[in-house]
Amino acid sequence: TPKASRALLPMVGAERTARWATANLEDGDGDGSSAQKICLDLHTFALVVVPEVRARLSAVQSDQILRQFYERDRHGRGRVDVMDIMEIARLMGLDSQLVRSTIDEARGNSVEPVDFAEFQRLIFRTREKVDRMVREYQRSIMDMTGISEALFKTWRQDIVQLHDLFSRHDADNSGSLGPEEIAHVFVEFGLMPRTQADRAVVCEMIREADVSQDGELQFAEFLELTGKIRDWSVQEKKDDELAMFRRYDADGSGALTLTEISRLLADLGCTPKTRAEQEELAVLIKMVDADGSGLIDFEEFQVLNQRIDERLRSMRYEEEVEYALRCGFSEEQLFQLRWIFSELDADVSECLDKAEVRAALVMLQKQVSQESFDSAFRKLDVDESGELDFFEFVEFMRLLRDGDGIFSEEREPFAKRPRFLDGRVLRRALELCGMSKPYLGALPFDALLELFCAAFQVGKSDSLEEKLNVTNVGELMAVAKTIPKKNLSSL
């Protein structure tokens, strides 16, 4: 039946195919009555439905692929070489190793150029492989943590990220987290509110979730708590969002077009600031607009706005972590700095004035002279606004650390060998090399380390200073952006 077909498509790795099927396997009335009219055996499903859906979906995605193809077809032959395919795939965010395996499976040892139709099939099959890997990894998390099927289905889209965060903060591998660790996870996930009052509510919800009073939450309990906080956040914003939604819903239809949604999100402060954030926004809109109609009703909009807010804040936290590591601060120090910054930023302006920065030093129990304080503040307050944003605040602390020695005893040591690097650093370095974020997110540490060593052409126990001439995370990230394409193509 259509319902069964939609369930099977993701299992064979056709995630995008499944989304198309959701909108196209039912008849025009959309009430599911066609389930009684259509019956497919496995043979028909495999040989007719999947290829047909692939073909239609390929047509939808052809524009981007065609453009990339003809940019590489320098001689106008209508064909490109295998190395060109590898480079196009890299530019499209696909992993070179998966592309290579797809090419080998389809073409064996052939080095003959390929035409557009074959090139398109290779790219499409690689994308399906990424989808299948991610889904298999999601299932492995369910098996590993013992969560129920119902809980798994609810959290499938977020389970890889949440489990990764949960595991990283579970330092003793006990399978549970305490209140402070959970608060840290919510900051990283983008679920911790901005205002002091709302943060206090969330912290209380964390304490109340510990029904057994043992000070710890298992992964399943953590997921249920995450759901409750997400629901609370959605309800808190409902009245403001509904008023805004109705203002844009000029015809009173109860639904908005994607163009109207974009303008509405901008008014709500959910505007993406980088290309990566724009791409995340596009993915989230497609996820919410499940039927592909291009229209979003209010309930869908609430979900969309909540997810966008979480993702943008999570991505900006990642940027903050990367910046802090480049400055020589540990992630724990960053969390402390961010928490204090947010506590003092009462108006949620994302800026602190001189008095608030001085108060931050008091909260950190750091002593600095007035002369050092004024000198560092003046150096960073280039626009003479009398305020520092968070990145300037971190840089301010770095200047005081290097000048007056505060934090010097706590400076984050740089892992001198690849095998000691944090998984987050490995993933970020490989992303900067052009590898697919979803693919990297589905890899365990050992696989990430193997890829890193192959891309950077170093051994697991080699000295990074001797091999790459890097002594901190910032220098490593700079090197990642210059990795030769041939290193990636050979993976």
Protein backbone atom coordinates (compact mmCIF):
# COMPACT_ATOMS: atom_id res chain seq x y z
CA THR A 1 0.00 0.00 0.00
CA PRO A 2 1.14 3.66 -0.28
CA LYS A 3 1.68 3.80 3.49
CA ALA A 4 3.87 0.70 3.44
CA SER A 5 5.77 2.00 0.41
CA ARG A 6 6.53 5.27 2.16
CA ALA A 7 7.80 3.32 5.16
CA LEU A 8 10.07 1.11 3.06
CA LEU A 9 11.71 3.83 0.96
CA PRO A 10 13.79 5.32 3.81
CA MET A 11 14.88 1.83 4.83
CA VAL A 12 16.55 1.32 1.46
CA GLY A 13 18.28 4.67 1.82
CA ALA A 14 15.94 6.69 -0.38
CA GLU A 15 15.27 9.45 2.15
CA ARG A 16 14.59 12.06 -0.53
CA THR A 17 12.55 9.51 -2.47
CA ALA A 18 10.40 8.93 0.62
CA ARG A 19 9.68 12.63 0.97
CA TRP A 20 8.56 12.78 -2.67
CA ALA A 21 6.42 9.67 -2.19
CA THR A 22 4.65 11.24 0.78
CA ALA A 23 3.23 13.85 -1.57
CA ASN A 24 2.69 11.63 -4.63
CA LEU A 25 1.72 8.08 -3.71
CA GLU A 26 -1.79 9.04 -2.64
CA ASP A 27 -4.60 10.08 -4.97
CA GLY A 28 -5.97 13.59 -5.36
CA ASP A 29 -8.31 13.65 -2.35
CA GLY A 30 -5.40 13.05 0.06
CA ASP A 31 -7.61 11.21 2.53
CA GLY A 32 -5.72 7.96 2.23
CA SER A 33 -8.65 6.17 0.59
CA SER A 34 -6.33 5.09 -2.21
CA ALA A 35 -4.75 2.65 0.23
CA GLN A 36 -7.56 0.29 -0.66
CA LYS A 37 -7.03 0.75 -4.41
CA ILE A 38 -3.28 0.29 -4.71
CA CYS A 39 -1.49 -2.89 -3.71
CA LEU A 40 2.18 -3.51 -4.54
CA ASP A 41 4.18 -6.69 -4.20
CA LEU A 42 7.87 -6.38 -3.35
CA HIS A 43 8.91 -7.10 -6.94
CA THR A 44 6.80 -4.23 -8.34
CA PHE A 45 7.88 -1.92 -5.53
CA ALA A 46 11.58 -2.56 -6.15
CA LEU A 47 11.51 -2.57 -9.96
CA VAL A 48 8.84 0.03 -10.68
CA VAL A 49 8.11 2.39 -7.78
CA VAL A 50 11.64 3.12 -6.56
CA PRO A 51 13.11 3.73 -10.06
CA GLU A 52 10.13 5.91 -11.04
CA VAL A 53 10.37 8.04 -7.90
CA ARG A 54 14.13 8.31 -8.33
CA ALA A 55 13.64 9.51 -11.91
CA ARG A 56 11.11 12.17 -10.92
CA LEU A 57 13.19 13.37 -8.01
CA SER A 58 16.29 13.49 -10.21
CA ALA A 59 14.44 15.82 -12.54
CA VAL A 60 13.70 18.17 -9.62
CA GLN A 61 17.38 18.25 -8.59
CA SER A 62 18.79 18.41 -12.12
CA ASP A 63 19.31 22.18 -12.29
CA GLN A 64 22.01 22.33 -9.61
CA ILE A 65 23.71 19.16 -10.85
CA LEU A 66 23.57 20.29 -14.49
CA ARG A 67 25.17 23.61 -13.65
CA GLN A 68 28.02 21.91 -11.80
CA PHE A 69 28.45 19.42 -14.66
CA TYR A 70 28.81 21.97 -17.44
CA GLU A 71 31.15 24.14 -15.41
CA ARG A 72 33.55 21.17 -15.49
CA ASP A 73 32.87 20.22 -19.11
CA ARG A 74 35.55 22.61 -20.34
CA HIS A 75 35.71 21.26 -23.91
CA GLY A 76 31.98 21.04 -24.49
CA ARG A 77 32.11 17.26 -25.02
CA GLY A 78 29.10 16.59 -22.81
CA ARG A 79 31.33 14.40 -20.64
CA VAL A 80 33.50 14.80 -17.55
CA ASP A 81 36.37 12.77 -16.12
CA VAL A 82 36.26 10.81 -12.87
CA MET A 83 38.49 13.38 -11.12
CA ASP A 84 36.03 16.10 -12.16
CA ILE A 85 33.21 14.06 -10.61
CA MET A 86 35.14 13.84 -7.36
CA GLU A 87 35.67 17.60 -7.30
CA ILE A 88 32.04 18.40 -8.14
CA ALA A 89 30.90 16.03 -5.39
CA ARG A 90 33.22 17.77 -2.91
CA LEU A 91 31.79 21.18 -3.87
CA MET A 92 28.29 19.78 -3.34
CA GLY A 93 29.21 18.65 0.19
CA LEU A 94 29.39 14.93 -0.63
CA ASP A 95 32.08 12.74 0.87
CA SER A 96 34.83 11.74 -1.56
CA GLN A 97 35.15 8.25 -0.10
CA LEU A 98 31.48 7.50 -0.69
CA VAL A 99 31.59 8.98 -4.20
CA ARG A 100 34.62 6.83 -5.04
CA SER A 101 32.92 3.65 -3.80
CA THR A 102 29.78 4.49 -5.83
CA ILE A 103 31.87 5.02 -8.97
CA ASP A 104 33.76 1.75 -8.42
CA GLU A 105 30.51 -0.17 -7.93
CA ALA A 106 28.98 1.27 -11.09
CA ARG A 107 32.01 1.41 -13.39
CA GLY A 108 34.64 -0.94 -12.03
CA ASN A 109 38.10 0.08 -13.24
CA SER A 110 36.85 2.13 -16.18
CA VAL A 111 38.47 5.57 -16.53
CA GLU A 112 36.34 6.64 -19.49
CA PRO A 113 34.57 10.04 -19.14
CA VAL A 114 30.89 9.94 -18.20
CA ASP A 115 27.92 11.77 -19.73
CA PHE A 116 25.42 13.82 -17.73
CA ALA A 117 22.88 11.02 -17.25
CA GLU A 118 25.47 8.70 -15.70
CA PHE A 119 27.00 11.52 -13.69
CA GLN A 120 23.58 12.37 -12.28
CA ARG A 121 22.95 8.73 -11.31
CA LEU A 122 26.30 8.57 -9.50
CA ILE A 123 25.58 11.72 -7.48
CA PHE A 124 22.05 10.59 -6.67
CA ARG A 125 23.19 7.13 -5.51
CA THR A 126 25.87 8.72 -3.32
CA ARG A 127 23.28 10.89 -1.64
CA GLU A 128 21.18 7.81 -0.98
CA LYS A 129 24.19 6.13 0.63
CA VAL A 130 24.60 9.08 2.99
CA ASP A 131 20.91 8.89 3.89
CA ARG A 132 21.18 5.15 4.52
CA MET A 133 24.29 5.52 6.69
CA VAL A 134 22.62 8.20 8.80
CA ARG A 135 19.48 6.10 9.27
CA GLU A 136 21.50 3.02 10.21
CA TYR A 137 23.42 5.08 12.75
CA GLN A 138 20.15 6.40 14.15
CA ARG A 139 18.93 2.83 14.62
CA SER A 140 22.19 1.83 16.29
CA ILE A 141 21.67 4.61 18.86
CA MET A 142 18.20 3.24 19.65
CA ASP A 143 19.67 -0.23 20.18
CA MET A 144 22.58 1.11 22.22
CA THR A 145 20.47 3.23 24.57
CA GLY A 146 17.45 0.91 24.80
CA ILE A 147 14.90 3.64 24.15
CA SER A 148 11.43 2.64 22.96
CA GLU A 149 10.37 2.58 19.32
CA ALA A 150 7.86 5.37 19.98
CA LEU A 151 10.50 7.61 21.57
CA PHE A 152 12.90 6.83 18.74
CA LYS A 153 10.36 7.85 16.08
CA THR A 154 9.66 11.10 17.90
CA TRP A 155 13.33 12.05 18.09
CA ARG A 156 14.76 10.41 14.98
CA GLN A 157 15.63 13.71 13.25
CA ASP A 158 17.61 14.97 16.26
CA ILE A 159 18.80 11.75 17.87
CA VAL A 160 22.32 11.73 16.39
CA GLN A 161 23.11 15.26 17.59
CA LEU A 162 21.46 14.75 20.99
CA HIS A 163 23.19 11.44 21.62
CA ASP A 164 26.54 12.92 20.58
CA LEU A 165 26.06 15.81 23.03
CA PHE A 166 24.85 13.47 25.77
CA SER A 167 27.82 11.12 25.31
CA ARG A 168 30.42 13.91 25.25
CA HIS A 169 29.19 15.25 28.57
CA ASP A 170 28.96 11.77 30.10
CA ALA A 171 32.63 11.85 31.08
CA ASP A 172 32.46 8.78 33.34
CA ASN A 173 30.46 6.70 30.79
CA SER A 174 27.76 6.09 33.39
CA GLY A 175 24.97 6.50 30.83
CA SER A 176 23.48 9.41 32.78
CA LEU A 177 23.96 13.17 33.25
CA GLY A 178 23.55 15.53 36.19
CA PRO A 179 21.67 18.88 36.14
CA GLU A 180 24.70 21.03 35.27
CA GLU A 181 25.73 18.70 32.44
CA ILE A 182 22.20 18.72 31.04
CA ALA A 183 22.10 22.53 31.15
CA HIS A 184 25.35 22.54 29.19
CA VAL A 185 23.85 20.18 26.59
CA PHE A 186 20.82 22.45 26.19
CA VAL A 187 23.08 25.44 25.58
CA GLU A 188 24.89 23.53 22.83
CA PHE A 189 21.65 22.24 21.34
CA GLY A 190 20.19 25.75 21.23
CA LEU A 191 17.36 25.01 23.66
CA MET A 192 18.50 27.15 26.59
CA PRO A 193 16.48 30.43 26.58
CA ARG A 194 18.09 33.86 26.34
CA THR A 195 16.50 35.65 29.29
CA GLN A 196 17.37 35.08 32.93
CA ALA A 197 13.76 34.39 33.91
CA ASP A 198 13.28 31.75 31.21
CA ARG A 199 16.63 30.11 31.98
CA ALA A 200 15.53 29.83 35.61
CA VAL A 201 12.34 28.05 34.48
CA VAL A 202 14.32 25.56 32.40
CA CYS A 203 16.77 24.88 35.24
CA GLU A 204 13.80 24.17 37.53
CA MET A 205 12.34 21.78 34.92
CA ILE A 206 15.69 19.97 34.84
CA ARG A 207 15.61 19.53 38.63
CA GLU A 208 11.98 18.36 38.57
CA ALA A 209 12.75 15.77 35.88
CA ASP A 210 14.92 13.88 38.38
CA VAL A 211 12.00 11.85 39.75
CA SER A 212 14.25 9.29 41.44
CA GLN A 213 16.15 12.10 43.21
CA ASP A 214 19.49 10.48 42.44
CA GLY A 215 20.78 13.57 40.66
CA GLU A 216 21.07 11.83 37.29
CA LEU A 217 18.97 11.37 34.12
CA GLN A 218 19.25 8.44 31.70
CA PHE A 219 19.13 9.11 27.94
CA ALA A 220 15.43 8.24 27.63
CA GLU A 221 14.58 10.58 30.53
CA PHE A 222 16.75 13.24 28.94
CA LEU A 223 14.80 12.96 25.64
CA GLU A 224 11.47 13.25 27.45
CA LEU A 225 12.74 16.33 29.32
CA THR A 226 13.95 17.86 26.04
CA GLY A 227 10.47 17.37 24.60
CA LYS A 228 8.82 19.05 27.59
CA ILE A 229 11.14 22.07 27.37
CA ARG A 230 10.58 22.33 23.63
CA ASP A 231 6.78 22.21 24.14
CA TRP A 232 7.00 24.83 26.90
CA SER A 233 9.08 27.09 24.65
CA VAL A 234 6.56 26.77 21.81
CA GLN A 235 3.64 27.66 24.11
CA GLU A 236 5.49 30.62 25.61
CA LYS A 237 5.83 32.17 22.16
CA LYS A 238 2.38 31.19 20.87
CA ASP A 239 0.50 34.48 21.36
CA ASP A 240 3.23 36.64 19.79
CA GLU A 241 3.69 34.21 16.90
CA LEU A 242 -0.05 33.93 16.25
CA ALA A 243 -0.46 37.71 16.09
CA MET A 244 2.47 37.93 13.69
CA PHE A 245 1.19 35.00 11.61
CA ARG A 246 -2.27 36.57 11.20
CA ARG A 247 -0.74 39.86 10.15
CA TYR A 248 1.02 38.14 7.25
CA ASP A 249 -1.97 35.90 6.42
CA ALA A 250 -3.68 38.67 4.43
CA ASP A 251 -6.32 36.44 2.82
CA GLY A 252 -7.19 34.67 6.07
CA SER A 253 -6.53 31.25 4.54
CA GLY A 254 -4.67 30.02 7.62
CA ALA A 255 -1.52 29.30 5.60
CA LEU A 256 1.49 31.29 4.38
CA THR A 257 3.70 30.90 1.34
CA LEU A 258 7.43 30.31 1.81
CA THR A 259 8.15 33.92 0.75
CA GLU A 260 5.79 35.21 3.45
CA ILE A 261 7.33 32.82 5.96
CA SER A 262 10.82 34.19 5.19
CA ARG A 263 9.69 37.77 5.87
CA LEU A 264 7.89 36.70 9.05
CA LEU A 265 10.97 34.87 10.35
CA ALA A 266 13.05 37.99 9.70
CA ASP A 267 10.64 40.01 11.88
CA LEU A 268 10.99 37.40 14.62
CA GLY A 269 14.80 37.66 14.55
CA CYS A 270 15.38 34.23 13.00
CA THR A 271 17.27 35.51 9.99
CA PRO A 272 20.25 33.32 8.98
CA LYS A 273 23.52 35.28 8.94
CA THR A 274 25.76 32.86 7.02
CA ARG A 275 25.48 30.55 4.01
CA ALA A 276 25.56 27.53 6.33
CA GLU A 277 22.64 28.96 8.31
CA GLN A 278 20.72 29.62 5.06
CA GLU A 279 21.19 25.99 4.04
CA GLU A 280 20.01 24.79 7.46
CA LEU A 281 16.93 27.00 7.14
CA ALA A 282 16.10 25.51 3.73
CA VAL A 283 16.38 21.97 5.15
CA LEU A 284 14.10 22.79 8.09
CA ILE A 285 11.45 24.38 5.85
CA LYS A 286 11.42 21.28 3.65
CA MET A 287 11.11 19.09 6.74
CA VAL A 288 8.06 21.00 8.02
CA ASP A 289 6.45 21.32 4.57
CA ALA A 290 6.09 17.54 4.35
CA ASP A 291 3.50 17.55 1.58
CA GLY A 292 5.59 19.81 -0.64
CA SER A 293 2.70 22.26 -1.09
CA GLY A 294 4.82 25.32 -0.40
CA LEU A 295 2.29 26.43 2.24
CA ILE A 296 2.79 26.44 6.01
CA ASP A 297 -0.11 26.54 8.50
CA PHE A 298 0.24 28.00 11.99
CA GLU A 299 1.06 24.74 13.80
CA GLU A 300 3.71 23.95 11.20
CA PHE A 301 5.04 27.47 11.57
CA GLN A 302 5.36 27.05 15.34
CA VAL A 303 7.41 23.89 14.85
CA LEU A 304 9.48 25.58 12.14
CA ASN A 305 10.23 28.68 14.21
CA GLN A 306 11.23 26.59 17.24
CA ARG A 307 13.53 24.36 15.18
CA ILE A 308 15.11 27.31 13.37
CA ASP A 309 15.73 29.12 16.65
CA GLU A 310 17.38 26.00 18.07
CA ARG A 311 19.51 25.35 15.00
CA LEU A 312 20.72 28.94 14.60
CA ARG A 313 21.66 29.17 18.27
CA SER A 314 23.35 25.77 18.13
CA MET A 315 25.34 26.77 15.05
CA ARG A 316 26.36 30.06 16.64
CA TYR A 317 27.48 28.18 19.73
CA GLU A 318 29.66 26.04 17.45
CA GLU A 319 31.18 29.23 16.05
CA GLU A 320 31.81 30.44 19.60
CA VAL A 321 33.51 27.16 20.51
CA GLU A 322 35.75 27.33 17.45
CA TYR A 323 36.66 30.95 18.24
CA ALA A 324 37.35 30.17 21.91
CA LEU A 325 39.56 27.20 20.99
CA ARG A 326 41.51 29.42 18.60
CA CYS A 327 41.99 31.85 21.50
CA GLY A 328 43.34 29.05 23.68
CA PHE A 329 40.30 28.68 25.96
CA SER A 330 38.75 25.33 26.78
CA GLU A 331 35.12 24.54 25.98
CA GLU A 332 34.41 24.49 29.72
CA GLN A 333 35.82 28.00 30.03
CA LEU A 334 33.71 29.09 27.07
CA PHE A 335 30.57 27.73 28.74
CA GLN A 336 31.41 29.69 31.88
CA LEU A 337 32.05 32.89 29.89
CA ARG A 338 28.85 32.48 27.86
CA TRP A 339 26.75 31.79 30.96
CA ILE A 340 28.08 34.86 32.78
CA PHE A 341 27.69 37.00 29.65
CA SER A 342 24.03 35.94 29.33
CA GLU A 343 23.37 36.52 33.03
CA LEU A 344 24.66 40.10 32.77
CA ASP A 345 23.00 40.79 29.42
CA ALA A 346 19.65 41.60 31.02
CA ASP A 347 18.22 43.34 27.92
CA VAL A 348 19.24 40.44 25.64
CA SER A 349 21.14 42.89 23.40
CA GLU A 350 24.07 40.46 23.02
CA CYS A 351 26.37 43.25 24.25
CA LEU A 352 27.89 44.24 27.61
CA ASP A 353 28.93 47.74 28.65
CA LYS A 354 32.00 48.55 30.74
CA ALA A 355 30.27 48.12 34.09
CA GLU A 356 28.85 44.75 33.05
CA VAL A 357 32.24 43.53 31.80
CA ARG A 358 33.78 44.60 35.12
CA ALA A 359 31.01 42.67 36.90
CA ALA A 360 31.88 39.62 34.79
CA LEU A 361 35.44 39.74 36.11
CA VAL A 362 34.10 39.88 39.66
CA MET A 363 31.89 36.82 38.98
CA LEU A 364 34.93 35.04 37.53
CA GLN A 365 36.95 36.07 40.62
CA LYS A 366 39.65 37.57 38.42
CA GLN A 367 41.69 40.59 39.54
CA VAL A 368 43.00 43.07 36.92
CA SER A 369 44.31 46.61 37.19
CA GLN A 370 42.16 49.52 35.98
CA GLU A 371 44.86 50.41 33.47
CA SER A 372 44.86 46.92 31.90
CA PHE A 373 41.06 46.86 31.88
CA ASP A 374 40.74 50.23 30.14
CA SER A 375 43.49 49.42 27.64
CA ALA A 376 41.94 46.11 26.59
CA PHE A 377 38.42 47.55 26.40
CA ARG A 378 39.55 50.53 24.33
CA LYS A 379 41.43 48.29 21.90
CA LEU A 380 38.35 46.17 21.18
CA ASP A 381 35.70 48.91 21.26
CA VAL A 382 36.65 50.11 17.79
CA ASP A 383 33.28 51.77 17.09
CA GLU A 384 33.41 53.54 20.48
CA SER A 385 29.96 52.23 21.35
CA GLY A 386 31.02 51.55 24.92
CA GLU A 387 29.94 47.90 24.52
CA LEU A 388 31.44 44.53 23.57
CA ASP A 389 29.63 41.69 21.79
CA PHE A 390 30.34 38.12 22.87
CA PHE A 391 33.25 37.51 20.50
CA GLU A 392 34.84 40.79 21.60
CA PHE A 393 34.20 39.74 25.20
CA VAL A 394 36.13 36.50 24.64
CA GLU A 395 38.92 38.43 22.92
CA PHE A 396 38.93 40.87 25.87
CA MET A 397 39.50 37.96 28.24
CA ARG A 398 42.28 36.66 25.98
CA LEU A 399 44.05 40.04 26.07
CA LEU A 400 43.85 40.13 29.87
CA ARG A 401 45.04 36.52 30.07
CA ASP A 402 48.06 37.18 27.87
CA GLY A 403 48.81 40.53 29.51
CA ASP A 404 47.91 40.12 33.18
CA GLY A 405 48.05 36.32 33.38
CA ILE A 406 44.41 35.64 34.31
CA PHE A 407 43.28 32.20 33.09
CA SER A 408 46.95 31.37 32.37
CA GLU A 409 46.90 28.47 34.80
CA GLU A 410 43.74 27.20 33.08
CA ARG A 411 44.87 27.56 29.47
CA GLU A 412 43.59 24.77 27.22
CA PRO A 413 46.46 22.50 26.13
CA PHE A 414 46.55 21.63 22.44
CA ALA A 415 46.52 17.92 21.60
CA LYS A 416 49.87 17.32 19.96
CA ARG A 417 48.88 14.13 18.15
CA PRO A 418 45.81 13.34 16.01
CA ARG A 419 44.65 10.47 18.23
CA PHE A 420 44.26 12.91 21.15
CA LEU A 421 42.15 15.44 19.25
CA ASP A 422 38.52 15.92 20.32
CA GLY A 423 35.89 14.46 18.00
CA ARG A 424 34.39 17.95 17.54
CA VAL A 425 37.77 19.26 16.30
CA LEU A 426 38.16 16.32 13.89
CA ARG A 427 34.66 16.87 12.45
CA ARG A 428 35.13 20.62 12.06
CA ALA A 429 38.50 20.18 10.35
CA LEU A 430 37.03 17.65 7.91
CA GLU A 431 34.04 19.92 7.24
CA LEU A 432 36.44 22.72 6.31
CA CYS A 433 38.06 20.25 3.90
CA GLY A 434 34.67 20.04 2.15
CA MET A 435 33.27 16.79 3.55
CA SER A 436 29.55 16.28 4.15
CA LYS A 437 28.32 17.27 7.63
CA PRO A 438 25.58 14.57 7.76
CA TYR A 439 28.12 11.92 6.72
CA LEU A 440 30.67 13.04 9.31
CA GLY A 441 27.95 13.19 11.97
CA ALA A 442 27.21 9.51 11.42
CA LEU A 443 30.83 8.41 11.94
CA PRO A 444 32.30 7.16 15.24
CA PHE A 445 35.57 8.62 16.54
CA ASP A 446 37.83 5.92 15.04
CA ALA A 447 36.41 6.48 11.54
CA LEU A 448 36.80 10.25 11.92
CA LEU A 449 40.40 9.79 12.97
CA GLU A 450 41.12 7.59 9.95
CA LEU A 451 39.63 10.18 7.59
CA PHE A 452 41.51 13.01 9.29
CA CYS A 453 44.85 11.22 9.00
CA ALA A 454 44.23 10.39 5.34
CA ALA A 455 43.15 13.94 4.46
CA PHE A 456 46.01 15.61 6.32
CA GLN A 457 48.48 12.83 5.42
CA VAL A 458 49.64 12.28 8.99
CA GLY A 459 49.84 9.25 11.25
CA LYS A 460 47.67 8.85 14.34
CA SER A 461 50.68 9.34 16.62
CA ASP A 462 52.56 11.89 14.50
CA SER A 463 53.42 15.28 15.95
CA LEU A 464 51.04 17.85 14.47
CA GLU A 465 53.59 20.58 15.10
CA GLU A 466 56.28 18.76 13.14
CA LYS A 467 54.04 17.51 10.31
CA LEU A 468 51.66 20.46 9.87
CA ASN A 469 53.45 23.26 11.73
CA VAL A 470 50.42 23.90 13.97
CA THR A 471 50.42 24.58 17.69
CA ASN A 472 46.75 25.39 18.33
CA VAL A 473 43.26 24.67 17.00
CA GLY A 474 43.08 27.94 15.07
CA GLU A 475 46.20 27.07 13.06
CA LEU A 476 44.83 23.55 12.43
CA MET A 477 41.57 24.98 11.02
CA ALA A 478 43.52 27.33 8.78
CA VAL A 479 45.47 24.35 7.41
CA ALA A 480 42.20 22.43 6.86
CA LYS A 481 41.04 25.11 4.40
CA THR A 482 44.15 24.56 2.29
CA ILE A 483 44.12 20.76 2.09
CA PRO A 484 44.92 19.78 -1.54
CA LYS A 485 41.99 18.38 -3.50
CA LYS A 486 44.08 15.34 -4.45
CA ASN A 487 44.21 14.31 -0.75
CA LEU A 488 40.42 14.21 -0.64
CA SER A 489 39.95 12.54 -4.01
CA SER A 490 42.14 9.66 -2.94
CA LEU A 491 40.12 8.85 0.19
